[in-house]
C-alpha atoms as a PDB file:
ATOM      1  CA  MET A   1      47.446 192.563 -74.159  1.00  0.00           C
ATOM      2  CA  ARG A   2      46.941 194.871 -71.307  1.00  0.00           C
ATOM      3  CA  ALA A   3      50.102 195.788 -69.372  1.00  0.00           C
ATOM      4  CA  THR A   4      49.869 195.665 -65.518  1.00  0.00           C
ATOM      5  CA  CYS A   5      51.653 198.034 -63.894  1.00  0.00           C
ATOM      6  CA  ARG A   6      55.021 197.778 -61.613  1.00  0.00           C
ATOM      7  CA  ILE A   7      55.670 199.549 -58.055  1.00  0.00           C
ATOM      8  CA  ASP A   8      59.035 199.404 -57.047  1.00  0.00           C
ATOM      9  CA  GLU A   9      58.248 198.644 -53.292  1.00  0.00           C
ATOM     10  CA  ALA A  10      62.132 200.217 -52.972  1.00  0.00           C
ATOM     11  CA  ALA A  11      61.275 203.396 -55.206  1.00  0.00           C
ATOM     12  CA  LYS A  12      58.783 204.166 -53.274  1.00  0.00           C
ATOM     13  CA  ALA A  13      60.071 203.713 -49.724  1.00  0.00           C
ATOM     14  CA  ALA A  14      63.064 205.451 -50.999  1.00  0.00           C
ATOM     15  CA  ASN A  15      60.279 208.518 -52.175  1.00  0.00           C
ATOM     16  CA  GLY A  16      58.577 208.230 -48.415  1.00  0.00           C
ATOM     17  CA  HIS A  17      55.075 207.509 -49.387  1.00  0.00           C
ATOM     18  CA  ASN A  18      55.009 203.395 -48.804  1.00  0.00           C
ATOM     19  CA  GLU A  19      51.250 204.056 -47.677  1.00  0.00           C
ATOM     20  CA  ILE A  20      48.447 206.439 -48.180  1.00  0.00           C
ATOM     21  CA  GLY A  21      48.640 209.748 -46.198  1.00  0.00           C
ATOM     22  CA  HIS A  22      52.330 209.408 -45.239  1.00  0.00           C
ATOM     23  CA  SER A  23      53.275 212.351 -47.581  1.00  0.00           C
ATOM     24  CA  ALA A  24      49.998 214.105 -45.703  1.00  0.00           C
ATOM     25  CA  GLU A  25      52.160 214.562 -42.876  1.00  0.00           C
ATOM     26  CA  ARG A  26      54.971 216.486 -44.443  1.00  0.00           C
ATOM     27  CA  LYS A  27      52.299 218.597 -46.002  1.00  0.00           C
ATOM     28  CA  PHE A  28      51.128 219.709 -43.192  1.00  0.00           C
ATOM     29  CA  GLN A  29      54.205 220.504 -41.430  1.00  0.00           C
ATOM     30  CA  THR A  30      54.583 222.763 -43.783  1.00  0.00           C
ATOM     31  CA  ALA A  31      50.475 223.929 -44.221  1.00  0.00           C
ATOM     32  CA  ALA A  32      51.377 225.612 -41.055  1.00  0.00           C
ATOM     33  CA  ALA A  33      53.892 227.789 -42.792  1.00  0.00           C
ATOM     34  CA  SER A  34      51.765 228.611 -45.986  1.00  0.00           C
ATOM     35  CA  PRO A  35      48.072 229.359 -46.020  1.00  0.00           C
ATOM     36  CA  VAL A  36      47.139 227.890 -49.174  1.00  0.00           C
ATOM     37  CA  HIS A  37      46.753 224.156 -49.584  1.00  0.00           C
ATOM     38  CA  ASP A  38      48.194 223.536 -53.002  1.00  0.00           C
ATOM     39  CA  LEU A  39      47.047 220.559 -54.223  1.00  0.00           C
ATOM     40  CA  ALA A  40      49.378 220.457 -57.044  1.00  0.00           C
ATOM     41  CA  LEU A  41      52.916 219.661 -54.725  1.00  0.00           C
ATOM     42  CA  GLU A  42      50.982 216.928 -53.352  1.00  0.00           C
ATOM     43  CA  LYS A  43      51.902 212.938 -54.056  1.00  0.00           C
ATOM     44  CA  HIS A  44      49.575 212.202 -57.267  1.00  0.00           C
ATOM     45  CA  TYR A  45      48.254 208.650 -57.041  1.00  0.00           C
ATOM     46  CA  SER A  46      48.382 206.205 -60.710  1.00  0.00           C
ATOM     47  CA  VAL A  47      45.013 204.444 -61.548  1.00  0.00           C
ATOM     48  CA  CYS A  48      47.087 201.132 -61.523  1.00  0.00           C
ATOM     49  CA  GLU A  49      48.936 202.275 -57.809  1.00  0.00           C
ATOM     50  CA  LEU A  50      45.721 202.812 -56.050  1.00  0.00           C
ATOM     51  CA  SER A  51      44.080 199.194 -57.560  1.00  0.00           C
ATOM     52  CA  GLN A  52      47.093 197.590 -56.004  1.00  0.00           C
ATOM     53  CA  LEU A  53      46.798 199.104 -52.276  1.00  0.00           C
ATOM     54  CA  TRP A  54      42.611 199.179 -52.191  1.00  0.00           C
ATOM     55  CA  GLY A  55      43.144 195.134 -53.524  1.00  0.00           C
ATOM     56  CA  LEU A  56      40.726 196.570 -56.137  1.00  0.00           C
ATOM     57  CA  SER A  57      40.465 196.170 -60.283  1.00  0.00           C
ATOM     58  CA  GLU A  58      41.828 199.283 -62.327  1.00  0.00           C
ATOM     59  CA  LYS A  59      37.806 199.718 -63.916  1.00  0.00           C
ATOM     60  CA  THR A  60      36.493 200.121 -60.223  1.00  0.00           C
ATOM     61  CA  ILE A  61      39.276 202.506 -59.301  1.00  0.00           C
ATOM     62  CA  ARG A  62      38.019 204.528 -62.412  1.00  0.00           C
ATOM     63  CA  ARG A  63      34.967 203.948 -61.884  1.00  0.00           C
ATOM     64  CA  ILE A  64      34.920 205.580 -58.105  1.00  0.00           C
ATOM     65  CA  PHE A  65      37.100 208.516 -59.484  1.00  0.00           C
ATOM     66  CA  ALA A  66      36.102 209.619 -62.509  1.00  0.00           C
ATOM     67  CA  ASP A  67      33.862 212.458 -61.742  1.00  0.00           C
ATOM     68  CA  GLU A  68      35.301 213.446 -58.180  1.00  0.00           C
ATOM     69  CA  PRO A  69      36.330 216.711 -58.121  1.00  0.00           C
ATOM     70  CA  GLY A  70      39.812 217.364 -57.977  1.00  0.00           C
ATOM     71  CA  VAL A  71      41.173 214.919 -60.349  1.00  0.00           C
ATOM     72  CA  VAL A  72      43.267 215.113 -62.798  1.00  0.00           C
ATOM     73  CA  LYS A  73      42.254 213.679 -65.774  1.00  0.00           C
ATOM     74  CA  LEU A  74      44.732 214.082 -69.490  1.00  0.00           C
ATOM     75  CA  GLY A  75      44.453 212.637 -72.361  1.00  0.00           C
ATOM     76  CA  HIS A  76      41.002 212.858 -75.251  1.00  0.00           C
ATOM     77  CA  GLU A  77      37.502 212.324 -75.587  1.00  0.00           C
ATOM     78  CA  GLU A  78      36.258 209.421 -78.490  1.00  0.00           C
ATOM     79  CA  SER A  79      35.729 210.738 -81.620  1.00  0.00           C
ATOM     80  CA  ARG A  80      33.728 209.210 -84.605  1.00  0.00           C
ATOM     81  CA  PHE A  81      36.710 206.794 -85.722  1.00  0.00           C
ATOM     82  CA  LYS A  82      39.032 207.445 -82.553  1.00  0.00           C
ATOM     83  CA  ARG A  83      39.198 205.037 -79.125  1.00  0.00           C
ATOM     84  CA  GLY A  84      39.268 207.828 -76.144  1.00  0.00           C
ATOM     85  CA  TYR A  85      42.344 207.253 -73.365  1.00  0.00           C
ATOM     86  CA  MET A  86      42.011 209.189 -70.054  1.00  0.00           C
ATOM     87  CA  THR A  87      44.492 209.180 -67.699  1.00  0.00           C
ATOM     88  CA  LEU A  88      43.703 209.968 -64.328  1.00  0.00           C
ATOM     89  CA  ARG A  89      46.590 211.438 -61.808  1.00  0.00           C
ATOM     90  CA  ILE A  90      44.641 211.476 -58.309  1.00  0.00           C
ATOM     91  CA  PRO A  91      45.800 213.673 -55.941  1.00  0.00           C
ATOM     92  CA  GLU A  92      46.319 212.148 -52.257  1.00  0.00           C
ATOM     93  CA  SER A  93      44.210 214.841 -50.402  1.00  0.00           C
ATOM     94  CA  VAL A  94      41.266 213.579 -53.289  1.00  0.00           C
ATOM     95  CA  VAL A  95      42.134 209.581 -52.034  1.00  0.00           C
ATOM     96  CA  GLN A  96      41.781 210.419 -48.204  1.00  0.00           C
ATOM     97  CA  ARG A  97      38.446 212.095 -48.838  1.00  0.00           C
ATOM     98  CA  VAL A  98      36.955 209.265 -50.852  1.00  0.00           C
ATOM     99  CA  HIS A  99      38.168 206.556 -48.619  1.00  0.00           C
ATOM    100  CA  ARG A 100      36.158 208.906 -45.866  1.00  0.00           C
ATOM    101  CA  ARG A 101      32.971 208.573 -47.507  1.00  0.00           C
ATOM    102  CA  MET A 102      33.060 205.358 -48.189  1.00  0.00           C
ATOM    103  CA  ARG A 103      33.999 204.240 -44.503  1.00  0.00           C
ATOM    104  CA  GLN A 104      30.948 205.843 -43.317  1.00  0.00           C
ATOM    105  CA  VAL A 105      28.153 204.987 -45.796  1.00  0.00           C
ATOM    106  CA  GLY A 106      29.480 201.276 -44.957  1.00  0.00           C
END
């Protein structure tokens, strides 16, 4: 049986990440002071969070972001006797880039 993720709306609102792009405003305000944009400090979305935000299945989100540059991949490849597991963490800037690209295609 596969567990489904639950996003606590109160926790998201408390962290200021209730919509894609919300934390980007804070990031870009501080980016003027620092010339280097650091991906490690921006909001990272899980596959489950993005699937709920975009209204797509987790499988579709994984397929969209699997080979996208900038996505953090944690886990191990499949071996002869053991199934591979991969956890994706997708930075907000990557989410915005993919969304822009998908919007232009359609």
